[in-house]
Amino acid sequence: MKISIGNDHAGPDYKKAIVKYLEDKGIEVINHGTDTFDSVDYPDFVHPVANDVENGVADFGIIICGSGNGVAMSVNKHQKIRAALCWIKEIAALARQHNDANIISIPARYTSIQQAIEMVDTFLNTDFEGGRHQNRVNKIPC
């Protein structure tokens, strides 16, 4: 499995912890995020994640900003991207099960690093249920 990750200045600590967690599990990570707390424009760091997922370079994406909203709005403009803003692991599970989300958006200012890792783990280990949900996903333009 290969994961692409991007973050703005609200998420360097989150990204570092998530990358370590993933690499410890033997998962390859493509890092597009900033490593500093200096203010940056989040689209510059998350559009490459969407490109990786959209083009099959990565299986899934992880994006992080303060609220999780700006990064999610940015990547959801891409074809074939279904980014879900998650704040608890149960939402991460539903995003995969019901929406076939392929990018998880994490709000660094509203979750702990431990919660973020749990959400990522849940997101990556939950399958899309298909069935009645497939009809709905098919109605999302791409």
N, C-alpha and C. Protein backbone atom coordinates (compact mmCIF):
# COMPACT_ATOMS: atom_id res chain seq x y z
N MET A 1 0.84 -1.18 0.00
CA MET A 1 0.00 0.00 0.00
C MET A 1 0.89 1.24 0.00
N LYS A 2 0.42 2.26 -0.71
CA LYS A 2 1.15 3.52 -0.76
C LYS A 2 0.17 4.66 -0.42
N ILE A 3 0.60 5.53 0.47
CA ILE A 3 -0.23 6.64 0.95
C ILE A 3 0.46 7.96 0.62
N SER A 4 -0.33 8.92 0.13
CA SER A 4 0.17 10.28 -0.09
C SER A 4 -0.38 11.17 1.01
N ILE A 5 0.47 12.02 1.57
CA ILE A 5 0.06 12.87 2.68
C ILE A 5 0.49 14.31 2.43
N GLY A 6 -0.37 15.24 2.82
CA GLY A 6 -0.05 16.66 2.71
C GLY A 6 -0.68 17.43 3.85
N ASN A 7 -0.02 18.48 4.24
CA ASN A 7 -0.52 19.28 5.36
C ASN A 7 -0.05 20.71 5.24
N ASP A 8 -0.75 21.59 5.95
CA ASP A 8 -0.30 22.98 6.06
C ASP A 8 0.38 23.17 7.42
N HIS A 9 0.55 24.42 7.81
CA HIS A 9 1.27 24.78 9.03
C HIS A 9 0.58 24.32 10.32
N ALA A 10 -0.68 23.91 10.25
CA ALA A 10 -1.37 23.40 11.45
C ALA A 10 -1.06 21.93 11.71
N GLY A 11 -0.42 21.26 10.75
CA GLY A 11 -0.30 19.82 10.89
C GLY A 11 1.05 19.15 10.87
N PRO A 12 2.18 19.87 10.97
CA PRO A 12 3.46 19.14 10.91
C PRO A 12 3.62 18.04 11.95
N ASP A 13 3.21 18.29 13.18
CA ASP A 13 3.35 17.26 14.22
C ASP A 13 2.45 16.06 13.94
N TYR A 14 1.26 16.34 13.44
CA TYR A 14 0.33 15.27 13.09
C TYR A 14 0.91 14.43 11.96
N LYS A 15 1.40 15.12 10.94
CA LYS A 15 1.96 14.41 9.80
C LYS A 15 3.13 13.53 10.23
N LYS A 16 4.04 14.07 11.02
CA LYS A 16 5.20 13.30 11.45
C LYS A 16 4.78 12.04 12.20
N ALA A 17 3.81 12.17 13.09
CA ALA A 17 3.34 11.02 13.86
C ALA A 17 2.64 10.00 12.98
N ILE A 18 1.83 10.47 12.04
CA ILE A 18 1.12 9.56 11.14
C ILE A 18 2.10 8.86 10.21
N VAL A 19 3.06 9.60 9.66
CA VAL A 19 4.06 8.99 8.78
C VAL A 19 4.83 7.90 9.53
N LYS A 20 5.25 8.19 10.75
CA LYS A 20 5.98 7.19 11.54
C LYS A 20 5.11 5.97 11.76
N TYR A 21 3.86 6.17 12.12
CA TYR A 21 2.93 5.07 12.34
C TYR A 21 2.82 4.20 11.08
N LEU A 22 2.62 4.85 9.94
CA LEU A 22 2.46 4.11 8.69
C LEU A 22 3.73 3.38 8.30
N GLU A 23 4.87 4.06 8.39
CA GLU A 23 6.14 3.42 8.02
C GLU A 23 6.47 2.26 8.94
N ASP A 24 6.11 2.38 10.22
CA ASP A 24 6.32 1.26 11.15
C ASP A 24 5.49 0.05 10.76
N LYS A 25 4.40 0.26 10.03
CA LYS A 25 3.55 -0.83 9.55
C LYS A 25 3.98 -1.30 8.15
N GLY A 26 5.08 -0.73 7.63
CA GLY A 26 5.58 -1.12 6.33
C GLY A 26 4.86 -0.48 5.16
N ILE A 27 4.15 0.61 5.41
CA ILE A 27 3.41 1.31 4.37
C ILE A 27 4.28 2.44 3.82
N GLU A 28 4.39 2.50 2.50
CA GLU A 28 5.17 3.55 1.85
C GLU A 28 4.38 4.85 1.88
N VAL A 29 5.07 5.95 2.15
CA VAL A 29 4.42 7.26 2.26
C VAL A 29 5.09 8.26 1.33
N ILE A 30 4.28 8.98 0.59
CA ILE A 30 4.74 10.10 -0.23
C ILE A 30 4.38 11.37 0.54
N ASN A 31 5.37 12.15 0.90
CA ASN A 31 5.17 13.32 1.75
C ASN A 31 5.17 14.61 0.93
N HIS A 32 4.02 15.26 0.88
CA HIS A 32 3.90 16.55 0.20
C HIS A 32 3.71 17.70 1.20
N GLY A 33 3.72 17.40 2.49
CA GLY A 33 3.41 18.41 3.49
C GLY A 33 4.59 19.24 3.92
N THR A 34 4.25 20.36 4.55
CA THR A 34 5.28 21.22 5.13
C THR A 34 5.75 20.64 6.46
N ASP A 35 6.98 20.92 6.81
CA ASP A 35 7.52 20.49 8.10
C ASP A 35 7.66 21.64 9.08
N THR A 36 7.17 22.82 8.70
CA THR A 36 7.31 23.99 9.57
C THR A 36 5.94 24.52 9.97
N PHE A 37 5.96 25.39 10.96
CA PHE A 37 4.74 26.04 11.43
C PHE A 37 4.57 27.42 10.79
N ASP A 38 5.44 27.74 9.83
CA ASP A 38 5.32 29.00 9.09
C ASP A 38 4.08 28.93 8.21
N SER A 39 3.32 30.01 8.17
CA SER A 39 2.09 30.05 7.40
C SER A 39 2.34 29.73 5.93
N VAL A 40 1.53 28.82 5.40
CA VAL A 40 1.61 28.41 3.99
C VAL A 40 0.19 28.37 3.43
N ASP A 41 0.09 28.26 2.12
CA ASP A 41 -1.20 28.11 1.45
C ASP A 41 -1.48 26.63 1.27
N TYR A 42 -2.48 26.11 2.00
CA TYR A 42 -2.74 24.67 2.01
C TYR A 42 -2.98 24.06 0.63
N PRO A 43 -3.59 24.75 -0.35
CA PRO A 43 -3.77 24.09 -1.64
C PRO A 43 -2.45 23.62 -2.27
N ASP A 44 -1.38 24.35 -2.02
CA ASP A 44 -0.08 23.97 -2.59
C ASP A 44 0.40 22.62 -2.08
N PHE A 45 -0.08 22.20 -0.91
CA PHE A 45 0.39 20.98 -0.28
C PHE A 45 -0.59 19.81 -0.40
N VAL A 46 -1.83 20.10 -0.81
CA VAL A 46 -2.80 19.01 -0.90
C VAL A 46 -3.21 18.66 -2.33
N HIS A 47 -3.07 19.59 -3.26
CA HIS A 47 -3.33 19.23 -4.66
C HIS A 47 -2.40 18.10 -5.12
N PRO A 48 -1.12 18.09 -4.73
CA PRO A 48 -0.28 16.95 -5.11
C PRO A 48 -0.78 15.61 -4.55
N VAL A 49 -1.39 15.64 -3.37
CA VAL A 49 -1.96 14.41 -2.79
C VAL A 49 -3.12 13.94 -3.67
N ALA A 50 -4.00 14.86 -4.03
CA ALA A 50 -5.12 14.50 -4.89
C ALA A 50 -4.64 13.97 -6.23
N ASN A 51 -3.61 14.58 -6.78
CA ASN A 51 -3.04 14.10 -8.05
C ASN A 51 -2.52 12.67 -7.90
N ASP A 52 -1.83 12.40 -6.79
CA ASP A 52 -1.30 11.05 -6.57
C ASP A 52 -2.42 10.01 -6.52
N VAL A 53 -3.50 10.32 -5.81
CA VAL A 53 -4.60 9.38 -5.68
C VAL A 53 -5.35 9.26 -7.01
N GLU A 54 -5.60 10.38 -7.63
CA GLU A 54 -6.34 10.41 -8.90
C GLU A 54 -5.62 9.64 -10.00
N ASN A 55 -4.30 9.71 -10.01
CA ASN A 55 -3.50 9.07 -11.05
C ASN A 55 -3.00 7.68 -10.68
N GLY A 56 -3.42 7.16 -9.53
CA GLY A 56 -3.03 5.82 -9.14
C GLY A 56 -1.62 5.68 -8.61
N VAL A 57 -0.97 6.79 -8.33
CA VAL A 57 0.37 6.76 -7.73
C VAL A 57 0.28 6.32 -6.27
N ALA A 58 -0.82 6.69 -5.61
CA ALA A 58 -1.07 6.32 -4.22
C ALA A 58 -2.44 5.66 -4.12
N ASP A 59 -2.58 4.76 -3.17
CA ASP A 59 -3.86 4.10 -2.95
C ASP A 59 -4.86 4.99 -2.23
N PHE A 60 -4.36 5.75 -1.26
CA PHE A 60 -5.20 6.66 -0.48
C PHE A 60 -4.41 7.92 -0.17
N GLY A 61 -5.13 8.95 0.28
CA GLY A 61 -4.49 10.20 0.69
C GLY A 61 -4.91 10.60 2.09
N ILE A 62 -4.04 11.37 2.71
CA ILE A 62 -4.29 11.96 4.02
C ILE A 62 -3.96 13.43 3.91
N ILE A 63 -4.90 14.28 4.30
CA ILE A 63 -4.67 15.73 4.26
C ILE A 63 -5.00 16.32 5.62
N ILE A 64 -4.24 17.34 6.00
CA ILE A 64 -4.36 17.89 7.35
C ILE A 64 -4.26 19.40 7.29
N CYS A 65 -5.21 20.08 7.94
CA CYS A 65 -5.11 21.52 8.18
C CYS A 65 -5.82 21.79 9.50
N GLY A 66 -5.95 23.04 9.87
CA GLY A 66 -6.54 23.38 11.15
C GLY A 66 -7.95 22.84 11.33
N SER A 67 -8.84 23.13 10.39
CA SER A 67 -10.23 22.68 10.49
C SER A 67 -10.51 21.45 9.65
N GLY A 68 -9.64 21.15 8.71
CA GLY A 68 -9.87 20.06 7.77
C GLY A 68 -10.76 20.45 6.61
N ASN A 69 -11.42 21.60 6.71
CA ASN A 69 -12.35 22.02 5.67
C ASN A 69 -11.67 22.52 4.41
N GLY A 70 -10.74 23.43 4.55
CA GLY A 70 -10.09 24.02 3.39
C GLY A 70 -9.40 22.99 2.51
N VAL A 71 -8.71 22.07 3.16
CA VAL A 71 -8.01 21.05 2.38
C VAL A 71 -8.99 20.10 1.69
N ALA A 72 -10.08 19.77 2.38
CA ALA A 72 -11.09 18.90 1.77
C ALA A 72 -11.76 19.58 0.58
N MET A 73 -12.10 20.85 0.73
CA MET A 73 -12.72 21.58 -0.38
C MET A 73 -11.78 21.63 -1.58
N SER A 74 -10.49 21.82 -1.31
CA SER A 74 -9.51 21.90 -2.40
C SER A 74 -9.42 20.60 -3.18
N VAL A 75 -9.24 19.49 -2.49
CA VAL A 75 -9.03 18.23 -3.21
C VAL A 75 -10.31 17.68 -3.83
N ASN A 76 -11.45 18.03 -3.26
CA ASN A 76 -12.70 17.53 -3.83
C ASN A 76 -13.03 18.18 -5.18
N LYS A 77 -12.24 19.13 -5.62
CA LYS A 77 -12.39 19.69 -6.96
C LYS A 77 -11.80 18.76 -8.02
N HIS A 78 -10.99 17.81 -7.60
CA HIS A 78 -10.35 16.87 -8.52
C HIS A 78 -11.32 15.77 -8.92
N GLN A 79 -11.20 15.33 -10.15
CA GLN A 79 -11.96 14.16 -10.61
C GLN A 79 -11.49 12.94 -9.83
N LYS A 80 -12.38 12.04 -9.56
CA LYS A 80 -12.09 10.76 -8.91
C LYS A 80 -11.72 10.88 -7.43
N ILE A 81 -11.84 12.06 -6.86
CA ILE A 81 -11.49 12.24 -5.44
C ILE A 81 -12.76 12.37 -4.62
N ARG A 82 -12.79 11.62 -3.53
CA ARG A 82 -13.87 11.72 -2.55
C ARG A 82 -13.20 11.86 -1.19
N ALA A 83 -12.95 13.10 -0.80
CA ALA A 83 -12.31 13.38 0.49
C ALA A 83 -13.37 13.56 1.55
N ALA A 84 -13.13 12.96 2.70
CA ALA A 84 -14.07 13.03 3.81
C ALA A 84 -13.40 13.69 5.02
N LEU A 85 -14.06 14.72 5.54
CA LEU A 85 -13.61 15.37 6.77
C LEU A 85 -14.04 14.49 7.94
N CYS A 86 -13.07 14.02 8.70
CA CYS A 86 -13.35 13.10 9.82
C CYS A 86 -12.80 13.66 11.12
N TRP A 87 -13.54 13.46 12.18
CA TRP A 87 -13.09 13.94 13.50
C TRP A 87 -13.13 12.85 14.55
N ILE A 88 -13.75 11.70 14.23
CA ILE A 88 -13.70 10.52 15.09
C ILE A 88 -13.58 9.29 14.18
N LYS A 89 -13.11 8.18 14.75
CA LYS A 89 -12.85 7.01 13.92
C LYS A 89 -14.13 6.41 13.34
N GLU A 90 -15.26 6.61 14.01
CA GLU A 90 -16.52 6.10 13.48
C GLU A 90 -16.91 6.80 12.18
N ILE A 91 -16.63 8.10 12.09
CA ILE A 91 -16.89 8.83 10.85
C ILE A 91 -15.93 8.35 9.76
N ALA A 92 -14.68 8.08 10.13
CA ALA A 92 -13.71 7.56 9.16
C ALA A 92 -14.18 6.22 8.60
N ALA A 93 -14.73 5.36 9.45
CA ALA A 93 -15.24 4.07 8.99
C ALA A 93 -16.40 4.26 8.03
N LEU A 94 -17.34 5.12 8.38
CA LEU A 94 -18.49 5.36 7.51
C LEU A 94 -18.09 6.00 6.19
N ALA A 95 -17.08 6.85 6.22
CA ALA A 95 -16.61 7.48 4.98
C ALA A 95 -16.13 6.44 3.99
N ARG A 96 -15.50 5.40 4.50
CA ARG A 96 -15.05 4.31 3.62
C ARG A 96 -16.21 3.38 3.27
N GLN A 97 -16.97 2.94 4.28
CA GLN A 97 -18.03 1.96 4.07
C GLN A 97 -19.12 2.47 3.13
N HIS A 98 -19.56 3.70 3.34
CA HIS A 98 -20.72 4.22 2.62
C HIS A 98 -20.38 5.14 1.46
N ASN A 99 -19.22 5.81 1.51
CA ASN A 99 -18.90 6.81 0.50
C ASN A 99 -17.70 6.45 -0.37
N ASP A 100 -17.05 5.35 -0.08
CA ASP A 100 -15.85 4.95 -0.80
C ASP A 100 -14.83 6.09 -0.85
N ALA A 101 -14.71 6.83 0.26
CA ALA A 101 -13.76 7.94 0.34
C ALA A 101 -12.36 7.42 0.08
N ASN A 102 -11.57 8.22 -0.65
CA ASN A 102 -10.19 7.81 -0.92
C ASN A 102 -9.16 8.77 -0.32
N ILE A 103 -9.64 9.84 0.31
CA ILE A 103 -8.77 10.76 1.05
C ILE A 103 -9.46 11.09 2.36
N ILE A 104 -8.71 11.02 3.44
CA ILE A 104 -9.22 11.43 4.75
C ILE A 104 -8.67 12.82 5.07
N SER A 105 -9.55 13.69 5.50
CA SER A 105 -9.18 15.05 5.90
C SER A 105 -9.26 15.15 7.42
N ILE A 106 -8.17 15.59 8.03
CA ILE A 106 -8.06 15.62 9.49
C ILE A 106 -7.96 17.06 9.98
N PRO A 107 -8.83 17.45 10.94
CA PRO A 107 -8.76 18.79 11.53
C PRO A 107 -7.81 18.83 12.73
N ALA A 108 -6.59 19.28 12.51
CA ALA A 108 -5.56 19.23 13.55
C ALA A 108 -5.92 20.03 14.80
N ARG A 109 -6.68 21.09 14.64
CA ARG A 109 -7.00 21.92 15.81
C ARG A 109 -8.16 21.35 16.63
N TYR A 110 -8.76 20.26 16.16
CA TYR A 110 -9.95 19.73 16.84
C TYR A 110 -9.85 18.24 17.17
N THR A 111 -8.70 17.64 16.90
CA THR A 111 -8.46 16.25 17.26
C THR A 111 -7.06 16.13 17.84
N SER A 112 -6.86 15.10 18.61
CA SER A 112 -5.51 14.84 19.13
C SER A 112 -4.73 14.03 18.10
N ILE A 113 -3.44 13.98 18.28
CA ILE A 113 -2.62 13.16 17.39
C ILE A 113 -3.03 11.70 17.51
N GLN A 114 -3.30 11.23 18.71
CA GLN A 114 -3.73 9.83 18.89
C GLN A 114 -5.04 9.57 18.16
N GLN A 115 -5.99 10.49 18.25
CA GLN A 115 -7.25 10.34 17.51
C GLN A 115 -6.99 10.29 16.01
N ALA A 116 -6.10 11.14 15.54
CA ALA A 116 -5.78 11.17 14.11
C ALA A 116 -5.22 9.84 13.65
N ILE A 117 -4.33 9.27 14.42
CA ILE A 117 -3.75 7.97 14.07
C ILE A 117 -4.83 6.89 14.07
N GLU A 118 -5.71 6.91 15.05
CA GLU A 118 -6.81 5.94 15.10
C GLU A 118 -7.73 6.09 13.89
N MET A 119 -8.00 7.33 13.49
CA MET A 119 -8.84 7.57 12.32
C MET A 119 -8.17 7.05 11.06
N VAL A 120 -6.89 7.31 10.91
CA VAL A 120 -6.15 6.83 9.74
C VAL A 120 -6.17 5.31 9.71
N ASP A 121 -5.90 4.67 10.83
CA ASP A 121 -5.91 3.22 10.90
C ASP A 121 -7.28 2.67 10.50
N THR A 122 -8.33 3.25 11.04
CA THR A 122 -9.69 2.82 10.71
C THR A 122 -9.98 3.03 9.23
N PHE A 123 -9.63 4.21 8.72
CA PHE A 123 -9.87 4.55 7.32
C PHE A 123 -9.20 3.55 6.39
N LEU A 124 -7.95 3.23 6.66
CA LEU A 124 -7.19 2.35 5.78
C LEU A 124 -7.59 0.88 5.89
N ASN A 125 -8.23 0.53 6.99
CA ASN A 125 -8.59 -0.87 7.22
C ASN A 125 -10.08 -1.14 7.10
N THR A 126 -10.80 -0.22 6.52
CA THR A 126 -12.24 -0.38 6.31
C THR A 126 -12.52 -0.44 4.82
N ASP A 127 -13.29 -1.41 4.42
CA ASP A 127 -13.63 -1.59 3.01
C ASP A 127 -14.94 -0.88 2.67
N PHE A 128 -15.08 -0.50 1.42
CA PHE A 128 -16.32 0.03 0.88
C PHE A 128 -17.33 -1.11 0.80
N GLU A 129 -18.55 -0.87 1.27
CA GLU A 129 -19.57 -1.91 1.30
C GLU A 129 -20.24 -2.14 -0.05
N GLY A 130 -20.17 -1.15 -0.94
CA GLY A 130 -20.83 -1.31 -2.24
C GLY A 130 -22.33 -1.39 -2.07
N GLY A 131 -22.97 -2.26 -2.86
CA GLY A 131 -24.41 -2.44 -2.75
C GLY A 131 -25.17 -1.15 -2.96
N ARG A 132 -26.12 -0.87 -2.06
CA ARG A 132 -26.94 0.34 -2.17
C ARG A 132 -26.09 1.61 -2.15
N HIS A 133 -24.92 1.54 -1.53
CA HIS A 133 -24.04 2.70 -1.47
C HIS A 133 -23.39 2.99 -2.81
N GLN A 134 -23.18 1.95 -3.60
CA GLN A 134 -22.55 2.14 -4.91
C GLN A 134 -23.41 3.05 -5.80
N ASN A 135 -24.72 2.88 -5.75
CA ASN A 135 -25.61 3.72 -6.55
C ASN A 135 -25.43 5.19 -6.19
N ARG A 136 -25.27 5.48 -4.92
CA ARG A 136 -25.10 6.87 -4.47
C ARG A 136 -23.75 7.43 -4.89
N VAL A 137 -22.71 6.63 -4.71
CA VAL A 137 -21.38 7.07 -5.11
C VAL A 137 -21.34 7.33 -6.61
N ASN A 138 -22.05 6.51 -7.39
CA ASN A 138 -22.09 6.70 -8.83
C ASN A 138 -22.71 8.04 -9.23
N LYS A 139 -23.49 8.63 -8.36
CA LYS A 139 -24.14 9.91 -8.66
C LYS A 139 -23.28 11.11 -8.31
N ILE A 140 -22.10 10.87 -7.75
CA ILE A 140 -21.16 11.94 -7.46
C ILE A 140 -20.38 12.19 -8.76
N PRO A 141 -20.45 13.39 -9.31
CA PRO A 141 -19.77 13.65 -10.59
C PRO A 141 -18.27 13.39 -10.50
N CYS A 142 -17.76 12.77 -11.54
CA CYS A 142 -16.30 12.62 -11.65
C CYS A 142 -15.90 12.40 -13.08
